[in-house]
Amino acid sequence: IKSNSDDGKDNHKASVKDDSSTRITKTSHNEKPQKHKKGRGLYATVLIPPNFHIHTCPCIRIPKDQYDAHMSQTTLGREYLFNCPNRSGDKFLALGVGSLFNHSSSSPNVCYRVDTSNMEIRYTTGYRSVECGEELCITYGPKESLWFREEDDDANATEGNDDYDSDGTADGMALFLNEMTL
């Protein structure tokens, strides 16, 4: 995984670890990812197969009362926290590259699972391969819950996506949860 900063420099690099004996094929990719309005972003540096575990990041749990009192009006609180799947109102801050995934409502190619017992978030590719050089995107939830206007997403984005996690929370996992292997 490679991430780009706003100035176009490569700031983070992480290799994809193959825990499942699946062969990952390197492809040639001479183009730099295009700079866009979305944010830093993460890009595949190799061809990544479907349903492949690509990253696990530790996270910090932020209790609901602390979020409400101190973080709800901050950029960090509004834009970088994941909902706790148990409906407690607690939030999770992904550490490392976990906070750099950009959003796509129409074509997310990465899903994530918040693991509250281990205080980590696991990221896995979805139903299809991710090409070398392709941006790795998750969904931040239904369009109506987003805090920004989607300008760069595909024109074929579905309106009113009602997908939720199996526990009923809209934390961005629903598009791939049924097939994801953790």
N, C-alpha and C. Protein backbone atom coordinates (compact mmCIF):
# COMPACT_ATOMS: atom_id res chain seq x y z
N ILE A 1 0.87 -1.17 0.00
CA ILE A 1 0.00 0.00 0.00
C ILE A 1 0.90 1.21 0.00
N LYS A 2 0.57 2.18 -0.81
CA LYS A 2 1.32 3.43 -0.83
C LYS A 2 0.34 4.56 -0.58
N SER A 3 0.73 5.52 0.25
CA SER A 3 -0.13 6.67 0.47
C SER A 3 0.57 7.91 -0.02
N ASN A 4 -0.22 8.85 -0.52
CA ASN A 4 0.31 10.12 -0.97
C ASN A 4 -0.18 11.22 -0.07
N SER A 5 0.70 12.18 0.19
CA SER A 5 0.28 13.35 0.95
C SER A 5 -0.24 14.38 -0.03
N ASP A 6 -0.74 15.48 0.50
CA ASP A 6 -1.28 16.52 -0.35
C ASP A 6 -0.22 17.13 -1.26
N ASP A 7 1.07 17.02 -0.88
CA ASP A 7 2.12 17.59 -1.72
C ASP A 7 2.63 16.60 -2.76
N GLY A 8 2.01 15.42 -2.85
CA GLY A 8 2.36 14.44 -3.87
C GLY A 8 3.51 13.52 -3.51
N LYS A 9 4.12 13.71 -2.33
CA LYS A 9 5.24 12.87 -1.92
C LYS A 9 4.73 11.60 -1.27
N ASP A 10 5.45 10.52 -1.48
CA ASP A 10 5.10 9.26 -0.83
C ASP A 10 5.52 9.35 0.63
N ASN A 11 4.56 9.22 1.54
CA ASN A 11 4.88 9.31 2.95
C ASN A 11 4.86 7.97 3.66
N HIS A 12 4.04 7.06 3.23
CA HIS A 12 3.92 5.78 3.90
C HIS A 12 3.99 4.68 2.86
N LYS A 13 4.71 3.63 3.19
CA LYS A 13 4.71 2.46 2.33
C LYS A 13 4.57 1.25 3.23
N ALA A 14 3.75 0.33 2.83
CA ALA A 14 3.59 -0.92 3.57
C ALA A 14 3.43 -2.03 2.56
N SER A 15 4.12 -3.12 2.77
CA SER A 15 3.97 -4.22 1.83
C SER A 15 2.73 -5.02 2.20
N VAL A 16 2.18 -5.69 1.21
CA VAL A 16 1.02 -6.54 1.43
C VAL A 16 1.55 -7.90 1.86
N LYS A 17 1.15 -8.35 3.03
CA LYS A 17 1.59 -9.64 3.53
C LYS A 17 0.61 -10.71 3.08
N ASP A 18 1.14 -11.75 2.50
CA ASP A 18 0.30 -12.83 1.99
C ASP A 18 0.19 -13.93 3.03
N ASP A 19 -0.87 -13.88 3.85
CA ASP A 19 -1.06 -14.89 4.89
C ASP A 19 -1.79 -16.12 4.38
N SER A 20 -2.34 -16.07 3.18
CA SER A 20 -3.22 -17.14 2.73
C SER A 20 -2.63 -17.98 1.60
N SER A 21 -1.37 -17.89 1.35
CA SER A 21 -0.67 -18.57 0.27
C SER A 21 -1.20 -18.17 -1.11
N THR A 22 -1.94 -17.08 -1.18
CA THR A 22 -2.38 -16.55 -2.47
C THR A 22 -1.21 -15.80 -3.08
N ARG A 23 -0.93 -16.08 -4.34
CA ARG A 23 0.18 -15.39 -5.00
C ARG A 23 -0.27 -13.99 -5.41
N ILE A 24 0.53 -13.00 -5.05
CA ILE A 24 0.25 -11.63 -5.45
C ILE A 24 1.20 -11.30 -6.58
N THR A 25 0.65 -10.89 -7.70
CA THR A 25 1.44 -10.61 -8.89
C THR A 25 1.76 -9.13 -8.96
N LYS A 26 3.04 -8.82 -9.10
CA LYS A 26 3.43 -7.43 -9.31
C LYS A 26 3.14 -7.06 -10.75
N THR A 27 2.63 -5.88 -10.95
CA THR A 27 2.41 -5.39 -12.30
C THR A 27 3.20 -4.12 -12.48
N SER A 28 3.55 -3.80 -13.71
CA SER A 28 4.29 -2.56 -13.93
C SER A 28 3.32 -1.40 -13.88
N HIS A 29 3.73 -0.36 -13.19
CA HIS A 29 2.88 0.84 -13.08
C HIS A 29 3.80 2.04 -12.97
N ASN A 30 3.95 2.76 -14.05
CA ASN A 30 4.87 3.89 -14.08
C ASN A 30 4.21 5.22 -13.78
N GLU A 31 2.88 5.25 -13.78
CA GLU A 31 2.19 6.51 -13.54
C GLU A 31 2.04 6.75 -12.05
N LYS A 32 2.14 8.01 -11.65
CA LYS A 32 1.85 8.39 -10.27
C LYS A 32 0.35 8.55 -10.14
N PRO A 33 -0.22 8.21 -8.98
CA PRO A 33 -1.66 8.43 -8.79
C PRO A 33 -1.99 9.91 -8.98
N GLN A 34 -3.14 10.16 -9.58
CA GLN A 34 -3.55 11.54 -9.81
C GLN A 34 -3.88 12.21 -8.49
N LYS A 35 -3.48 13.46 -8.37
CA LYS A 35 -3.84 14.25 -7.20
C LYS A 35 -5.29 14.66 -7.36
N HIS A 36 -6.06 14.52 -6.31
CA HIS A 36 -7.47 14.85 -6.38
C HIS A 36 -7.91 15.53 -5.09
N LYS A 37 -9.17 15.87 -5.01
CA LYS A 37 -9.70 16.62 -3.88
C LYS A 37 -10.07 15.75 -2.69
N LYS A 38 -9.98 14.46 -2.81
CA LYS A 38 -10.47 13.56 -1.77
C LYS A 38 -9.65 13.60 -0.48
N GLY A 39 -8.36 13.69 -0.55
CA GLY A 39 -7.51 13.59 0.63
C GLY A 39 -6.26 12.81 0.29
N ARG A 40 -5.56 12.37 1.29
CA ARG A 40 -4.29 11.68 1.05
C ARG A 40 -4.46 10.41 0.24
N GLY A 41 -5.22 9.48 0.73
CA GLY A 41 -5.50 8.27 -0.02
C GLY A 41 -4.43 7.20 0.07
N LEU A 42 -4.83 5.99 -0.24
CA LEU A 42 -3.94 4.83 -0.30
C LEU A 42 -4.10 4.18 -1.66
N TYR A 43 -3.00 3.68 -2.22
CA TYR A 43 -2.99 3.11 -3.56
C TYR A 43 -2.32 1.75 -3.54
N ALA A 44 -2.85 0.82 -4.30
CA ALA A 44 -2.26 -0.52 -4.40
C ALA A 44 -0.94 -0.43 -5.14
N THR A 45 0.08 -1.10 -4.62
CA THR A 45 1.37 -1.15 -5.30
C THR A 45 1.57 -2.48 -6.03
N VAL A 46 0.64 -3.40 -5.85
CA VAL A 46 0.62 -4.69 -6.55
C VAL A 46 -0.83 -5.03 -6.84
N LEU A 47 -1.05 -6.01 -7.69
CA LEU A 47 -2.39 -6.53 -7.92
C LEU A 47 -2.81 -7.28 -6.65
N ILE A 48 -3.96 -6.92 -6.08
CA ILE A 48 -4.43 -7.54 -4.84
C ILE A 48 -5.68 -8.37 -5.16
N PRO A 49 -5.68 -9.65 -4.81
CA PRO A 49 -6.83 -10.51 -5.13
C PRO A 49 -8.06 -10.16 -4.29
N PRO A 50 -9.24 -10.65 -4.72
CA PRO A 50 -10.47 -10.42 -3.95
C PRO A 50 -10.41 -11.09 -2.58
N ASN A 51 -11.17 -10.55 -1.64
CA ASN A 51 -11.30 -11.12 -0.29
C ASN A 51 -9.95 -11.35 0.39
N PHE A 52 -9.06 -10.41 0.23
CA PHE A 52 -7.69 -10.53 0.74
C PHE A 52 -7.48 -9.56 1.89
N HIS A 53 -6.98 -10.06 3.00
CA HIS A 53 -6.68 -9.21 4.16
C HIS A 53 -5.49 -8.32 3.81
N ILE A 54 -5.68 -7.00 3.82
CA ILE A 54 -4.59 -6.11 3.43
C ILE A 54 -3.97 -5.34 4.58
N HIS A 55 -4.70 -5.16 5.67
CA HIS A 55 -4.13 -4.36 6.75
C HIS A 55 -4.95 -4.53 8.02
N THR A 56 -4.27 -4.53 9.14
CA THR A 56 -4.91 -4.46 10.45
C THR A 56 -4.24 -3.33 11.20
N CYS A 57 -5.04 -2.42 11.73
CA CYS A 57 -4.46 -1.31 12.47
C CYS A 57 -5.02 -1.29 13.88
N PRO A 58 -4.18 -0.93 14.84
CA PRO A 58 -4.69 -0.74 16.19
C PRO A 58 -5.55 0.51 16.23
N CYS A 59 -6.40 0.62 17.21
CA CYS A 59 -7.23 1.82 17.32
C CYS A 59 -7.40 2.22 18.77
N ILE A 60 -7.82 3.44 18.95
CA ILE A 60 -8.09 3.98 20.28
C ILE A 60 -9.59 4.17 20.41
N ARG A 61 -10.14 3.67 21.49
CA ARG A 61 -11.58 3.82 21.76
C ARG A 61 -11.81 5.16 22.45
N ILE A 62 -12.78 5.91 21.96
CA ILE A 62 -13.15 7.19 22.55
C ILE A 62 -14.57 7.06 23.07
N PRO A 63 -14.74 7.06 24.40
CA PRO A 63 -16.08 6.91 24.97
C PRO A 63 -17.02 8.03 24.51
N LYS A 64 -18.29 7.71 24.42
CA LYS A 64 -19.30 8.64 23.93
C LYS A 64 -19.28 9.96 24.70
N ASP A 65 -19.18 9.92 26.02
CA ASP A 65 -19.20 11.17 26.79
C ASP A 65 -18.01 12.06 26.46
N GLN A 66 -16.83 11.47 26.23
CA GLN A 66 -15.66 12.26 25.85
C GLN A 66 -15.79 12.80 24.43
N TYR A 67 -16.34 11.96 23.54
CA TYR A 67 -16.57 12.42 22.18
C TYR A 67 -17.52 13.62 22.18
N ASP A 68 -18.66 13.48 22.87
CA ASP A 68 -19.65 14.55 22.91
C ASP A 68 -19.08 15.83 23.52
N ALA A 69 -18.31 15.71 24.59
CA ALA A 69 -17.80 16.89 25.30
C ALA A 69 -16.62 17.55 24.60
N HIS A 70 -15.77 16.78 23.93
CA HIS A 70 -14.52 17.34 23.45
C HIS A 70 -14.26 17.21 21.95
N MET A 71 -14.76 16.18 21.32
CA MET A 71 -14.32 15.89 19.95
C MET A 71 -15.38 16.07 18.88
N SER A 72 -16.63 16.14 19.24
CA SER A 72 -17.70 16.15 18.24
C SER A 72 -17.64 17.35 17.30
N GLN A 73 -17.04 18.44 17.72
CA GLN A 73 -16.96 19.63 16.88
C GLN A 73 -15.58 19.83 16.26
N THR A 74 -14.71 18.84 16.36
CA THR A 74 -13.37 18.95 15.78
C THR A 74 -13.29 18.20 14.45
N THR A 75 -12.34 18.57 13.64
CA THR A 75 -12.12 17.86 12.37
C THR A 75 -11.80 16.39 12.65
N LEU A 76 -10.96 16.14 13.62
CA LEU A 76 -10.63 14.76 13.97
C LEU A 76 -11.89 13.99 14.34
N GLY A 77 -12.73 14.58 15.16
CA GLY A 77 -13.94 13.92 15.60
C GLY A 77 -14.95 13.69 14.50
N ARG A 78 -15.08 14.65 13.60
CA ARG A 78 -16.08 14.54 12.53
C ARG A 78 -15.60 13.71 11.34
N GLU A 79 -14.32 13.68 11.07
CA GLU A 79 -13.85 13.11 9.80
C GLU A 79 -12.99 11.86 9.91
N TYR A 80 -12.51 11.51 11.08
CA TYR A 80 -11.56 10.40 11.15
C TYR A 80 -11.97 9.27 12.09
N LEU A 81 -13.12 9.35 12.70
CA LEU A 81 -13.50 8.33 13.67
C LEU A 81 -14.48 7.33 13.07
N PHE A 82 -14.38 6.09 13.53
CA PHE A 82 -15.28 5.02 13.13
C PHE A 82 -16.30 4.81 14.25
N ASN A 83 -17.53 4.48 13.87
CA ASN A 83 -18.56 4.18 14.87
C ASN A 83 -18.28 2.83 15.51
N CYS A 84 -18.55 2.74 16.79
CA CYS A 84 -18.43 1.48 17.51
C CYS A 84 -19.63 0.61 17.12
N PRO A 85 -19.42 -0.63 16.70
CA PRO A 85 -20.53 -1.44 16.20
C PRO A 85 -21.55 -1.86 17.26
N ASN A 86 -21.29 -1.66 18.54
CA ASN A 86 -22.24 -2.12 19.56
C ASN A 86 -23.28 -1.08 19.95
N ARG A 87 -23.41 -0.02 19.18
CA ARG A 87 -24.41 1.04 19.39
C ARG A 87 -24.23 1.81 20.69
N SER A 88 -23.06 1.77 21.28
CA SER A 88 -22.81 2.48 22.53
C SER A 88 -22.63 3.97 22.31
N GLY A 89 -22.35 4.36 21.07
CA GLY A 89 -22.04 5.75 20.79
C GLY A 89 -20.56 6.04 20.89
N ASP A 90 -19.78 5.04 21.33
CA ASP A 90 -18.33 5.20 21.38
C ASP A 90 -17.79 5.29 19.96
N LYS A 91 -16.60 5.84 19.81
CA LYS A 91 -15.94 5.98 18.51
C LYS A 91 -14.57 5.33 18.59
N PHE A 92 -14.02 5.01 17.42
CA PHE A 92 -12.68 4.47 17.33
C PHE A 92 -11.84 5.32 16.39
N LEU A 93 -10.61 5.59 16.79
CA LEU A 93 -9.65 6.28 15.94
C LEU A 93 -8.67 5.24 15.43
N ALA A 94 -8.62 5.05 14.11
CA ALA A 94 -7.68 4.11 13.50
C ALA A 94 -6.30 4.76 13.48
N LEU A 95 -5.31 4.03 13.95
CA LEU A 95 -3.94 4.54 13.96
C LEU A 95 -3.22 4.10 12.69
N GLY A 96 -2.13 4.75 12.36
CA GLY A 96 -1.36 4.40 11.18
C GLY A 96 -2.12 4.70 9.90
N VAL A 97 -1.94 3.85 8.89
CA VAL A 97 -2.57 4.11 7.59
C VAL A 97 -4.07 3.87 7.59
N GLY A 98 -4.62 3.32 8.66
CA GLY A 98 -6.05 3.06 8.73
C GLY A 98 -6.91 4.30 8.59
N SER A 99 -6.37 5.47 8.91
CA SER A 99 -7.12 6.72 8.80
C SER A 99 -6.97 7.38 7.43
N LEU A 100 -6.25 6.76 6.52
CA LEU A 100 -5.98 7.40 5.23
C LEU A 100 -6.86 6.89 4.09
N PHE A 101 -7.70 5.91 4.34
CA PHE A 101 -8.58 5.41 3.28
C PHE A 101 -9.60 6.48 2.92
N ASN A 102 -9.74 6.79 1.64
CA ASN A 102 -10.75 7.73 1.18
C ASN A 102 -12.07 7.00 0.95
N HIS A 103 -13.13 7.78 0.73
CA HIS A 103 -14.50 7.29 0.58
C HIS A 103 -14.89 7.12 -0.88
N SER A 104 -15.68 6.11 -1.15
CA SER A 104 -16.38 5.96 -2.41
C SER A 104 -17.71 5.29 -2.10
N SER A 105 -18.81 5.94 -2.49
CA SER A 105 -20.11 5.31 -2.24
C SER A 105 -20.50 4.36 -3.36
N SER A 106 -19.96 4.58 -4.56
CA SER A 106 -20.36 3.77 -5.70
C SER A 106 -19.42 2.61 -5.98
N SER A 107 -18.15 2.72 -5.61
CA SER A 107 -17.23 1.64 -5.95
C SER A 107 -16.15 1.43 -4.89
N PRO A 108 -16.55 1.23 -3.63
CA PRO A 108 -15.53 0.92 -2.63
C PRO A 108 -14.93 -0.45 -2.94
N ASN A 109 -13.61 -0.57 -2.82
CA ASN A 109 -12.97 -1.84 -3.11
C ASN A 109 -12.33 -2.45 -1.86
N VAL A 110 -12.52 -1.80 -0.73
CA VAL A 110 -12.01 -2.29 0.55
C VAL A 110 -13.14 -2.22 1.57
N CYS A 111 -13.25 -3.26 2.38
CA CYS A 111 -14.21 -3.24 3.48
C CYS A 111 -13.43 -3.31 4.78
N TYR A 112 -14.07 -2.97 5.85
CA TYR A 112 -13.39 -3.02 7.14
C TYR A 112 -14.31 -3.59 8.20
N ARG A 113 -13.69 -4.10 9.24
CA ARG A 113 -14.42 -4.66 10.38
C ARG A 113 -13.78 -4.09 11.64
N VAL A 114 -14.59 -3.43 12.47
CA VAL A 114 -14.12 -2.93 13.76
C VAL A 114 -14.20 -4.09 14.75
N ASP A 115 -13.07 -4.45 15.31
CA ASP A 115 -12.98 -5.54 16.28
C ASP A 115 -12.81 -4.91 17.66
N THR A 116 -13.91 -4.78 18.39
CA THR A 116 -13.88 -4.09 19.68
C THR A 116 -13.11 -4.86 20.74
N SER A 117 -13.12 -6.18 20.69
CA SER A 117 -12.43 -6.95 21.73
C SER A 117 -10.91 -6.86 21.60
N ASN A 118 -10.40 -6.72 20.39
CA ASN A 118 -8.96 -6.61 20.18
C ASN A 118 -8.50 -5.18 19.91
N MET A 119 -9.45 -4.23 19.93
CA MET A 119 -9.13 -2.82 19.70
C MET A 119 -8.35 -2.63 18.40
N GLU A 120 -8.92 -3.16 17.29
CA GLU A 120 -8.28 -3.03 16.00
C GLU A 120 -9.34 -2.98 14.91
N ILE A 121 -8.91 -2.52 13.75
CA ILE A 121 -9.76 -2.49 12.57
C ILE A 121 -9.05 -3.28 11.48
N ARG A 122 -9.77 -4.23 10.87
CA ARG A 122 -9.20 -5.07 9.81
C ARG A 122 -9.77 -4.67 8.47
N TYR A 123 -8.90 -4.51 7.49
CA TYR A 123 -9.27 -4.09 6.14
C TYR A 123 -9.03 -5.24 5.17
N THR A 124 -10.01 -5.49 4.31
CA THR A 124 -9.97 -6.60 3.36
C THR A 124 -10.50 -6.11 2.02
N THR A 125 -9.91 -6.60 0.93
CA THR A 125 -10.47 -6.25 -0.38
C THR A 125 -11.85 -6.89 -0.51
N GLY A 126 -12.65 -6.35 -1.42
CA GLY A 126 -14.02 -6.83 -1.62
C GLY A 126 -14.09 -7.99 -2.60
N TYR A 127 -15.12 -7.97 -3.44
CA TYR A 127 -15.43 -9.07 -4.36
C TYR A 127 -14.53 -9.15 -5.57
N ARG A 128 -13.77 -8.10 -5.84
CA ARG A 128 -12.96 -8.09 -7.06
C ARG A 128 -11.51 -7.76 -6.73
N SER A 129 -10.64 -8.02 -7.69
CA SER A 129 -9.23 -7.66 -7.53
C SER A 129 -9.08 -6.15 -7.56
N VAL A 130 -8.03 -5.67 -6.92
CA VAL A 130 -7.68 -4.25 -6.96
C VAL A 130 -6.40 -4.15 -7.78
N GLU A 131 -6.45 -3.36 -8.83
CA GLU A 131 -5.32 -3.24 -9.76
C GLU A 131 -4.19 -2.41 -9.16
N CYS A 132 -2.97 -2.68 -9.61
CA CYS A 132 -1.82 -1.88 -9.21
C CYS A 132 -2.08 -0.43 -9.61
N GLY A 133 -1.88 0.49 -8.70
CA GLY A 133 -2.10 1.91 -8.97
C GLY A 133 -3.50 2.39 -8.64
N GLU A 134 -4.43 1.49 -8.41
CA GLU A 134 -5.81 1.86 -8.10
C GLU A 134 -5.91 2.34 -6.65
N GLU A 135 -6.71 3.38 -6.43
CA GLU A 135 -6.91 3.87 -5.08
C GLU A 135 -7.75 2.87 -4.28
N LEU A 136 -7.35 2.65 -3.04
CA LEU A 136 -8.09 1.79 -2.13
C LEU A 136 -9.10 2.65 -1.39
N CYS A 137 -10.39 2.35 -1.54
CA CYS A 137 -11.46 3.17 -0.94
C CYS A 137 -12.40 2.31 -0.12
N ILE A 138 -12.87 2.89 0.97
CA ILE A 138 -13.93 2.30 1.78
C ILE A 138 -15.16 3.18 1.64
N THR A 139 -16.29 2.72 2.14
CA THR A 139 -17.45 3.60 2.20
C THR A 139 -17.59 4.10 3.63
N TYR A 140 -17.90 5.38 3.77
CA TYR A 140 -18.08 5.98 5.09
C TYR A 140 -19.52 5.85 5.56
N GLY A 141 -20.38 5.25 4.76
CA GLY A 141 -21.77 5.07 5.13
C GLY A 141 -22.70 5.64 4.08
N PRO A 142 -24.00 5.64 4.36
CA PRO A 142 -24.99 6.16 3.40
C PRO A 142 -24.73 7.63 3.08
N LYS A 143 -25.06 8.03 1.86
CA LYS A 143 -24.83 9.42 1.42
C LYS A 143 -25.41 10.45 2.37
N GLU A 144 -26.60 10.17 2.89
CA GLU A 144 -27.25 11.16 3.75
C GLU A 144 -26.52 11.37 5.07
N SER A 145 -25.61 10.47 5.44
CA SER A 145 -24.87 10.64 6.69
C SER A 145 -23.49 11.27 6.48
N LEU A 146 -23.12 11.55 5.23
CA LEU A 146 -21.80 12.13 4.95
C LEU A 146 -21.76 13.60 5.35
N TRP A 147 -20.61 14.06 5.76
CA TRP A 147 -20.42 15.45 6.17
C TRP A 147 -19.84 16.30 5.05
N PHE A 148 -19.72 15.73 3.85
CA PHE A 148 -19.18 16.43 2.70
C PHE A 148 -20.00 16.08 1.47
N ARG A 149 -19.85 16.87 0.43
CA ARG A 149 -20.53 16.61 -0.83
C ARG A 149 -19.61 15.79 -1.72
N GLU A 150 -20.13 14.71 -2.25
CA GLU A 150 -19.32 13.86 -3.13
C GLU A 150 -19.23 14.50 -4.50
N GLU A 151 -18.04 14.90 -4.89
CA GLU A 151 -17.85 15.50 -6.21
C GLU A 151 -17.12 14.58 -7.15
N ASP A 152 -16.19 13.80 -6.63
CA ASP A 152 -15.32 12.99 -7.49
C ASP A 152 -15.79 11.56 -7.65
N ASP A 153 -16.87 11.17 -6.99
CA ASP A 153 -17.32 9.80 -7.08
C ASP A 153 -17.99 9.57 -8.43
N ASP A 154 -18.12 8.32 -8.81
CA ASP A 154 -18.70 7.97 -10.11
C ASP A 154 -20.12 8.51 -10.24
N ALA A 155 -20.52 8.84 -11.45
CA ALA A 155 -21.87 9.34 -11.72
C ALA A 155 -22.92 8.28 -11.46
N ASN A 156 -22.53 7.01 -11.45
CA ASN A 156 -23.48 5.92 -11.25
C ASN A 156 -23.70 5.57 -9.79
N ALA A 157 -23.31 6.45 -8.88
CA ALA A 157 -23.47 6.18 -7.46
C ALA A 157 -24.93 5.95 -7.13
N THR A 158 -25.18 5.01 -6.26
CA THR A 158 -26.56 4.71 -5.89
C THR A 158 -27.04 5.71 -4.86
N GLU A 159 -28.26 6.16 -5.03
CA GLU A 159 -28.86 7.09 -4.07
C GLU A 159 -29.44 6.32 -2.91
N GLY A 160 -29.35 6.90 -1.74
CA GLY A 160 -30.01 6.34 -0.57
C GLY A 160 -29.61 4.92 -0.25
N ASN A 161 -28.34 4.61 -0.24
CA ASN A 161 -27.87 3.28 0.09
C ASN A 161 -28.29 2.94 1.52
N ASP A 162 -29.10 1.92 1.67
CA ASP A 162 -29.61 1.55 2.98
C ASP A 162 -28.86 0.38 3.59
N ASP A 163 -27.65 0.10 3.12
CA ASP A 163 -26.88 -1.02 3.65
C ASP A 163 -26.30 -0.67 5.01
N TYR A 164 -26.40 -1.60 5.93
CA TYR A 164 -25.87 -1.42 7.26
C TYR A 164 -25.18 -2.70 7.68
N ASP A 165 -24.41 -2.63 8.74
CA ASP A 165 -23.82 -3.82 9.31
C ASP A 165 -24.92 -4.74 9.82
N SER A 166 -24.55 -5.98 10.09
CA SER A 166 -25.53 -6.93 10.57
C SER A 166 -26.16 -6.50 11.89
N ASP A 167 -25.47 -5.66 12.65
CA ASP A 167 -26.05 -5.20 13.91
C ASP A 167 -26.84 -3.91 13.75
N GLY A 168 -27.01 -3.44 12.51
CA GLY A 168 -27.84 -2.27 12.25
C GLY A 168 -27.13 -0.94 12.26
N THR A 169 -25.82 -0.92 12.47
CA THR A 169 -25.11 0.35 12.48
C THR A 169 -24.57 0.66 11.11
N ALA A 170 -24.54 1.92 10.77
CA ALA A 170 -24.03 2.35 9.47
C ALA A 170 -22.57 2.74 9.62
N ASP A 171 -21.69 1.76 9.71
CA ASP A 171 -20.29 2.11 9.86
C ASP A 171 -19.46 1.78 8.63
N GLY A 172 -20.12 1.57 7.50
CA GLY A 172 -19.40 1.43 6.25
C GLY A 172 -19.06 0.02 5.83
N MET A 173 -19.44 -0.99 6.55
CA MET A 173 -19.06 -2.35 6.23
C MET A 173 -20.03 -3.07 5.32
N ALA A 174 -21.23 -2.63 5.20
CA ALA A 174 -22.31 -3.45 4.67
C ALA A 174 -22.11 -3.94 3.25
N LEU A 175 -21.46 -3.19 2.40
CA LEU A 175 -21.37 -3.59 1.01
C LEU A 175 -20.65 -4.92 0.82
N PHE A 176 -19.76 -5.28 1.72
CA PHE A 176 -18.98 -6.49 1.54
C PHE A 176 -19.05 -7.47 2.70
N LEU A 177 -19.78 -7.17 3.74
CA LEU A 177 -19.76 -8.00 4.94
C LEU A 177 -20.11 -9.45 4.70
N ASN A 178 -21.08 -9.73 3.86
CA ASN A 178 -21.54 -11.09 3.70
C ASN A 178 -20.47 -12.04 3.18
N GLU A 179 -19.52 -11.54 2.40
CA GLU A 179 -18.50 -12.40 1.82
C GLU A 179 -17.14 -12.24 2.47
N MET A 180 -17.01 -11.33 3.40
CA MET A 180 -15.69 -11.04 3.95
C MET A 180 -15.23 -12.14 4.88
N THR A 181 -13.97 -12.52 4.76
CA THR A 181 -13.37 -13.51 5.64
C THR A 181 -12.40 -12.79 6.56
N LEU A 182 -12.57 -12.96 7.83
CA LEU A 182 -11.66 -12.32 8.79
C LEU A 182 -10.74 -13.34 9.39
